Amino acid sequence: MSEKSIKEQLQAELANLQSIVDEVKLQMHLGAKEAQDKMQPHLDELEQELMQAKEKWDQFESSSESAWEDIQAGLRKSLKAMQQAFEKAQKHFPDQDK
């Protein structure tokens, strides 16, 4: 896989995770106070992971070719942690018709 395609894939994952954070915020806004209280710690974790992933993305963008593999691994780890945090938060979403 080329560096360009990896960057495109990671950028798409980062954008997807930003939309996940936005979805959690929306669900919290629409939910009852009790649901908001349950979801807030998960949202805090998601936002922290997103911030770290964005910092790693910035490093990835400005890194030399030899360093980007290490940064890529860290970014993927952050993205995976965000997905797991979202899955925990999703359990507290109000029931929705899908």
C-alpha atoms as a PDB file:
ATOM      1  CA  MET A   1       0.000   0.000   0.000  1.00  0.00           C
ATOM      2  CA  SER A   2       1.449   3.358  -0.952  1.00  0.00           C
ATOM      3  CA  GLU A   3       1.967   6.218   1.490  1.00  0.00           C
ATOM      4  CA  LYS A   4      -0.638   8.262  -0.384  1.00  0.00           C
ATOM      5  CA  SER A   5      -3.318   5.568  -0.156  1.00  0.00           C
ATOM      6  CA  ILE A   6      -2.554   4.999   3.538  1.00  0.00           C
ATOM      7  CA  LYS A   7      -2.881   8.734   4.177  1.00  0.00           C
ATOM      8  CA  GLU A   8      -6.193   8.794   2.316  1.00  0.00           C
ATOM      9  CA  GLN A   9      -7.481   5.819   4.294  1.00  0.00           C
ATOM     10  CA  LEU A  10      -6.400   7.306   7.627  1.00  0.00           C
ATOM     11  CA  GLN A  11      -7.877  10.681   6.731  1.00  0.00           C
ATOM     12  CA  ALA A  12     -11.198   8.989   5.895  1.00  0.00           C
ATOM     13  CA  GLU A  13     -11.134   7.129   9.231  1.00  0.00           C
ATOM     14  CA  LEU A  14     -10.394  10.363  11.079  1.00  0.00           C
ATOM     15  CA  ALA A  15     -13.305  12.104   9.337  1.00  0.00           C
ATOM     16  CA  ASN A  16     -15.568   9.168  10.196  1.00  0.00           C
ATOM     17  CA  LEU A  17     -14.580   9.366  13.831  1.00  0.00           C
ATOM     18  CA  GLN A  18     -15.258  13.097  13.881  1.00  0.00           C
ATOM     19  CA  SER A  19     -18.767  12.288  12.682  1.00  0.00           C
ATOM     20  CA  ILE A  20     -19.065   9.716  15.490  1.00  0.00           C
ATOM     21  CA  VAL A  21     -18.212  12.394  18.066  1.00  0.00           C
ATOM     22  CA  ASP A  22     -20.789  14.671  16.459  1.00  0.00           C
ATOM     23  CA  GLU A  23     -23.381  11.870  16.620  1.00  0.00           C
ATOM     24  CA  VAL A  24     -22.716  11.302  20.329  1.00  0.00           C
ATOM     25  CA  LYS A  25     -23.155  15.022  20.962  1.00  0.00           C
ATOM     26  CA  LEU A  26     -26.440  15.000  19.042  1.00  0.00           C
ATOM     27  CA  GLN A  27     -27.716  11.963  20.932  1.00  0.00           C
ATOM     28  CA  MET A  28     -26.792  13.616  24.214  1.00  0.00           C
ATOM     29  CA  HIS A  29     -28.634  16.772  23.189  1.00  0.00           C
ATOM     30  CA  LEU A  30     -31.736  14.796  22.245  1.00  0.00           C
ATOM     31  CA  GLY A  31     -31.590  12.391  25.179  1.00  0.00           C
ATOM     32  CA  ALA A  32     -32.934  12.623  28.671  1.00  0.00           C
ATOM     33  CA  LYS A  33     -30.795  14.065  31.448  1.00  0.00           C
ATOM     34  CA  GLU A  34     -30.079  10.570  32.787  1.00  0.00           C
ATOM     35  CA  ALA A  35     -28.800   9.418  29.394  1.00  0.00           C
ATOM     36  CA  GLN A  36     -26.695  12.564  29.089  1.00  0.00           C
ATOM     37  CA  ASP A  37     -25.096  11.886  32.450  1.00  0.00           C
ATOM     38  CA  LYS A  38     -24.270   8.323  31.421  1.00  0.00           C
ATOM     39  CA  MET A  39     -22.858   9.379  28.048  1.00  0.00           C
ATOM     40  CA  GLN A  40     -20.746  12.350  29.168  1.00  0.00           C
ATOM     41  CA  PRO A  41     -17.738  10.277  30.323  1.00  0.00           C
ATOM     42  CA  HIS A  42     -17.787   8.416  27.012  1.00  0.00           C
ATOM     43  CA  LEU A  43     -17.980  11.672  25.080  1.00  0.00           C
ATOM     44  CA  ASP A  44     -15.066  13.064  27.075  1.00  0.00           C
ATOM     45  CA  GLU A  45     -13.045   9.956  26.205  1.00  0.00           C
ATOM     46  CA  LEU A  46     -14.000  10.210  22.533  1.00  0.00           C
ATOM     47  CA  GLU A  47     -13.039  13.875  22.352  1.00  0.00           C
ATOM     48  CA  GLN A  48      -9.686  13.175  24.028  1.00  0.00           C
ATOM     49  CA  GLU A  49      -8.956  10.327  21.606  1.00  0.00           C
ATOM     50  CA  LEU A  50     -10.009  12.484  18.658  1.00  0.00           C
ATOM     51  CA  MET A  51      -7.690  15.274  19.779  1.00  0.00           C
ATOM     52  CA  GLN A  52      -4.791  12.812  20.071  1.00  0.00           C
ATOM     53  CA  ALA A  53      -5.610  11.297  16.675  1.00  0.00           C
ATOM     54  CA  LYS A  54      -5.632  14.756  15.077  1.00  0.00           C
ATOM     55  CA  GLU A  55      -2.255  15.549  16.658  1.00  0.00           C
ATOM     56  CA  LYS A  56      -0.867  12.285  15.290  1.00  0.00           C
ATOM     57  CA  TRP A  57      -2.365  13.104  11.899  1.00  0.00           C
ATOM     58  CA  ASP A  58      -0.553  16.443  11.927  1.00  0.00           C
ATOM     59  CA  GLN A  59       2.687  14.633  12.758  1.00  0.00           C
ATOM     60  CA  PHE A  60       1.956  12.124   9.997  1.00  0.00           C
ATOM     61  CA  GLU A  61       1.394  14.893   7.481  1.00  0.00           C
ATOM     62  CA  SER A  62       4.688  16.602   8.274  1.00  0.00           C
ATOM     63  CA  SER A  63       6.833  13.515   8.908  1.00  0.00           C
ATOM     64  CA  SER A  64       9.629  12.134   6.849  1.00  0.00           C
ATOM     65  CA  GLU A  65       9.017   8.888   5.021  1.00  0.00           C
ATOM     66  CA  SER A  66      11.041   6.934   7.575  1.00  0.00           C
ATOM     67  CA  ALA A  67       8.998   8.240  10.525  1.00  0.00           C
ATOM     68  CA  TRP A  68       5.520   7.944   9.055  1.00  0.00           C
ATOM     69  CA  GLU A  69       5.249   4.215   9.755  1.00  0.00           C
ATOM     70  CA  ASP A  70       5.622   4.804  13.510  1.00  0.00           C
ATOM     71  CA  ILE A  71       3.152   7.682  13.448  1.00  0.00           C
ATOM     72  CA  GLN A  72       0.731   5.616  11.352  1.00  0.00           C
ATOM     73  CA  ALA A  73       0.749   2.885  14.008  1.00  0.00           C
ATOM     74  CA  GLY A  74      -0.001   5.432  16.750  1.00  0.00           C
ATOM     75  CA  LEU A  75      -2.784   7.014  14.710  1.00  0.00           C
ATOM     76  CA  ARG A  76      -4.385   3.644  14.034  1.00  0.00           C
ATOM     77  CA  LYS A  77      -4.230   2.870  17.767  1.00  0.00           C
ATOM     78  CA  SER A  78      -6.006   6.161  18.560  1.00  0.00           C
ATOM     79  CA  LEU A  79      -8.646   5.495  15.924  1.00  0.00           C
ATOM     80  CA  LYS A  80      -9.297   2.014  17.325  1.00  0.00           C
ATOM     81  CA  ALA A  81      -9.579   3.398  20.875  1.00  0.00           C
ATOM     82  CA  MET A  82     -12.109   5.967  19.651  1.00  0.00           C
ATOM     83  CA  GLN A  83     -14.185   3.272  17.976  1.00  0.00           C
ATOM     84  CA  GLN A  84     -14.227   1.263  21.200  1.00  0.00           C
ATOM     85  CA  ALA A  85     -15.199   4.333  23.243  1.00  0.00           C
ATOM     86  CA  PHE A  86     -18.006   5.067  20.806  1.00  0.00           C
ATOM     87  CA  GLU A  87     -19.304   1.516  21.050  1.00  0.00           C
ATOM     88  CA  LYS A  88     -19.445   1.884  24.851  1.00  0.00           C
ATOM     89  CA  ALA A  89     -21.241   5.229  24.538  1.00  0.00           C
ATOM     90  CA  GLN A  90     -23.658   3.872  21.968  1.00  0.00           C
ATOM     91  CA  LYS A  91     -25.095   1.510  24.587  1.00  0.00           C
ATOM     92  CA  HIS A  92     -26.492   4.604  26.326  1.00  0.00           C
ATOM     93  CA  PHE A  93     -28.214   6.085  23.259  1.00  0.00           C
ATOM     94  CA  PRO A  94     -31.959   6.315  23.544  1.00  0.00           C
ATOM     95  CA  ASP A  95     -33.695   3.553  21.585  1.00  0.00           C
ATOM     96  CA  GLN A  96     -33.985   4.541  17.962  1.00  0.00           C
ATOM     97  CA  ASP A  97     -35.773   3.152  14.949  1.00  0.00           C
ATOM     98  CA  LYS A  98     -33.177   2.101  12.422  1.00  0.00           C
END
